[in-house]
Protein backbone atom coordinates (compact mmCIF):
# COMPACT_ATOMS: atom_id res chain seq x y z
CA MET A 1 44.07 -23.77 0.83
CA HIS A 2 40.36 -24.12 -0.76
CA MET A 3 39.57 -27.27 -2.01
CA ASN A 4 35.90 -27.80 -3.93
CA LEU A 5 34.92 -31.59 -2.76
CA TYR A 6 32.44 -32.70 -5.42
CA GLN A 7 30.20 -35.89 -4.75
CA LEU A 8 28.26 -38.53 -6.78
CA TYR A 9 26.74 -41.11 -5.90
CA ARG A 10 24.25 -43.52 -8.03
CA ARG A 11 22.62 -47.23 -6.87
CA GLN A 12 21.40 -49.42 -8.27
CA ALA A 13 19.61 -53.64 -8.33
CA LEU A 14 21.13 -56.07 -10.56
CA THR A 15 19.66 -59.44 -10.70
CA LEU A 16 23.05 -60.88 -10.41
CA THR A 17 24.70 -63.31 -7.99
CA ARG A 18 27.60 -61.01 -6.19
CA GLN A 19 29.81 -63.17 -6.91
CA GLU A 20 28.87 -62.12 -10.55
CA ALA A 21 28.58 -58.53 -9.57
CA TRP A 22 32.21 -58.82 -8.49
CA ASP A 23 33.97 -60.37 -11.16
CA PHE A 24 31.90 -58.03 -14.11
CA PHE A 25 32.99 -54.59 -11.46
CA SER A 26 36.37 -55.19 -10.44
CA SER A 27 37.34 -55.82 -13.97
CA PRO A 28 38.35 -52.85 -16.14
CA HIS A 29 38.23 -54.65 -18.98
CA TYR A 30 34.49 -53.46 -19.32
CA LEU A 31 34.70 -50.15 -19.08
CA ASN A 32 34.28 -49.21 -22.29
CA GLN A 33 30.91 -51.66 -22.92
CA ILE A 34 29.57 -49.19 -19.37
CA THR A 35 30.53 -46.20 -21.13
CA PRO A 36 29.69 -43.43 -24.11
CA ASP A 37 31.31 -43.12 -26.52
CA PHE A 38 33.23 -40.09 -25.80
CA PHE A 39 34.90 -42.13 -23.18
CA ASN A 40 37.39 -44.01 -24.25
CA VAL A 41 39.47 -46.17 -21.88
CA GLU A 42 42.68 -47.90 -23.17
CA ILE A 43 44.78 -50.12 -20.54
CA THR A 44 48.17 -49.27 -20.89
CA SER A 45 48.92 -52.03 -17.59
CA LYS A 46 49.19 -55.30 -16.72
CA VAL A 47 45.61 -56.49 -15.44
CA PRO A 48 45.76 -59.72 -13.20
CA GLU A 49 42.99 -62.04 -12.80
CA LYS A 50 42.30 -60.72 -8.99
CA ILE A 51 42.27 -56.77 -7.83
CA TYR A 52 44.42 -56.96 -4.66
CA THR A 53 44.73 -53.17 -2.24
CA GLY A 54 48.01 -52.07 -4.00
CA LEU A 55 47.53 -52.98 -7.19
CA MET A 56 48.36 -49.92 -9.81
CA LEU A 57 46.55 -49.27 -13.09
CA SER A 58 47.62 -47.57 -15.90
CA TYR A 59 44.94 -46.63 -18.49
CA ARG A 60 45.07 -43.78 -21.37
CA MET A 61 41.16 -41.89 -22.10
CA LYS A 62 39.64 -39.41 -24.04
CA ALA A 63 37.04 -37.75 -22.07
CA VAL A 64 37.02 -33.90 -22.19
CA PHE A 65 37.71 -33.10 -26.22
CA GLY A 66 39.44 -36.40 -27.33
CA TRP A 67 42.30 -36.05 -25.54
CA ALA A 68 44.37 -38.87 -24.43
CA MET A 69 44.83 -38.61 -21.25
CA PRO A 70 47.04 -40.46 -18.66
CA TRP A 71 45.81 -41.50 -15.37
CA LEU A 72 46.94 -43.86 -13.14
CA SER A 73 44.94 -45.09 -10.23
CA GLU A 74 45.12 -47.28 -6.90
CA ILE A 75 42.76 -49.58 -5.43
CA SER A 76 43.67 -48.10 -2.24
CA HIS A 77 40.56 -50.77 -0.36
CA CYS A 78 39.74 -54.48 -1.60
CA ASP A 79 37.16 -56.35 0.39
CA GLU A 80 36.48 -58.79 -2.16
CA PRO A 81 33.13 -58.80 -2.66
CA HIS A 82 31.71 -56.34 -0.75
CA ARG A 83 33.88 -53.15 -1.50
CA PHE A 84 36.74 -51.79 -3.79
CA VAL A 85 38.00 -47.89 -3.75
CA TYR A 86 39.71 -47.03 -6.81
CA GLN A 87 42.29 -44.06 -5.94
CA GLN A 88 43.98 -41.34 -8.65
CA ALA A 89 47.40 -41.52 -8.00
CA VAL A 90 47.80 -39.44 -12.10
CA GLY A 91 45.69 -37.58 -13.95
CA PRO A 92 43.18 -35.27 -14.34
CA PHE A 93 41.64 -34.26 -11.57
CA LYS A 94 43.28 -32.51 -7.94
CA PHE A 95 41.00 -35.76 -6.76
CA TRP A 96 39.84 -38.22 -7.49
CA SER A 97 38.27 -42.31 -5.13
CA HIS A 98 35.70 -43.86 -6.29
CA GLU A 99 34.32 -46.63 -3.60
CA VAL A 100 31.58 -49.32 -5.29
CA CYS A 101 30.25 -51.55 -2.70
CA LEU A 102 28.00 -54.62 -3.67
CA THR A 103 25.22 -55.12 -0.53
CA GLU A 104 23.51 -58.76 -1.15
CA GLN A 105 19.87 -58.55 -0.79
CA PRO A 106 17.14 -62.18 -1.21
CA GLY A 107 17.37 -62.65 -5.37
CA TYR A 108 19.69 -59.76 -5.90
CA ILE A 109 22.58 -57.62 -5.36
CA VAL A 110 22.91 -53.17 -4.94
CA ILE A 111 25.77 -51.75 -6.55
CA GLU A 112 26.47 -48.34 -4.90
CA ASP A 113 28.52 -46.00 -6.60
CA ILE A 114 30.12 -43.50 -3.89
CA VAL A 115 32.91 -40.87 -5.63
CA PHE A 116 34.55 -37.83 -3.71
CA TYR A 117 37.41 -35.57 -6.56
CA ALA A 118 37.89 -32.34 -6.65
CA MET A 119 39.60 -30.33 -9.83
CA PRO A 120 43.06 -28.15 -10.15
CA LEU A 121 43.42 -25.52 -10.95
CA GLY A 122 41.88 -23.69 -8.60
CA TRP A 123 38.83 -20.80 -10.07
CA PHE A 124 39.39 -22.10 -13.74
CA GLY A 125 39.22 -25.71 -12.00
CA ARG A 126 35.85 -24.87 -11.14
CA MET A 127 34.72 -23.21 -13.84
CA MET A 128 35.01 -25.80 -16.29
CA HIS A 129 33.43 -28.32 -13.80
CA SER A 130 30.97 -25.84 -13.72
CA VAL A 131 30.41 -25.64 -17.09
CA LEU A 132 31.22 -29.50 -18.64
CA ILE A 133 33.30 -31.78 -16.83
CA ARG A 134 29.68 -32.17 -14.53
CA LYS A 135 27.56 -32.86 -17.35
CA LYS A 136 30.27 -35.13 -18.52
CA LEU A 137 30.77 -37.30 -14.98
CA GLN A 138 26.80 -37.81 -15.04
CA ARG A 139 27.10 -39.10 -19.10
CA ILE A 140 29.49 -41.01 -18.11
CA PHE A 141 27.23 -42.63 -15.01
CA ASP A 142 23.71 -42.28 -17.47
CA THR A 143 25.39 -44.55 -19.36
CA ARG A 144 26.59 -46.86 -16.98
CA GLN A 145 23.42 -46.76 -14.98
CA ALA A 146 20.79 -47.13 -18.44
CA TYR A 147 23.75 -50.02 -19.51
CA LEU A 148 23.52 -51.92 -16.94
CA HIS A 149 19.64 -51.30 -16.18
CA ALA A 150 19.06 -53.34 -20.15
CA LYS A 151 21.23 -56.06 -19.11
CA TRP A 152 20.82 -56.80 -15.46
CA GLY A 153 18.18 -54.37 -14.56
CA LEU A 154 15.50 -54.22 -11.38
CA ASP A 155 13.29 -51.89 -10.12
CA VAL A 156 12.98 -52.57 -6.13
């Protein structure tokens, strides 16, 4: 079986403490603030105050053509306040893993987003990725980066 694995990587310096950054990024409640309007996220499960390894979170997302899609993710790794990884358990991708790493520097924090994903549906999924999905994902992370830069950005 052949699977094309794609990667998306972003790195950004922010004027936050590690704990402030952790509190913001580990909460799914801020997703709609840091993503474009077309990517509407509705959280459909109870969210505890703090995430933990094994936590399952369910959402409905309108990311493509305005269709609401179910998404169930699991926090597969949680090392507060340094890094966490959430992986899709149920959703539109064949595979999805998003790692968020927070590295403290003197006076600021560096956030790294490391995403690996694979498309379903063989050649059709690869075609959809090349004509639509890649651009949508880049736009989601571009919007996130612009929002964060406007709010806490630091050019280093």
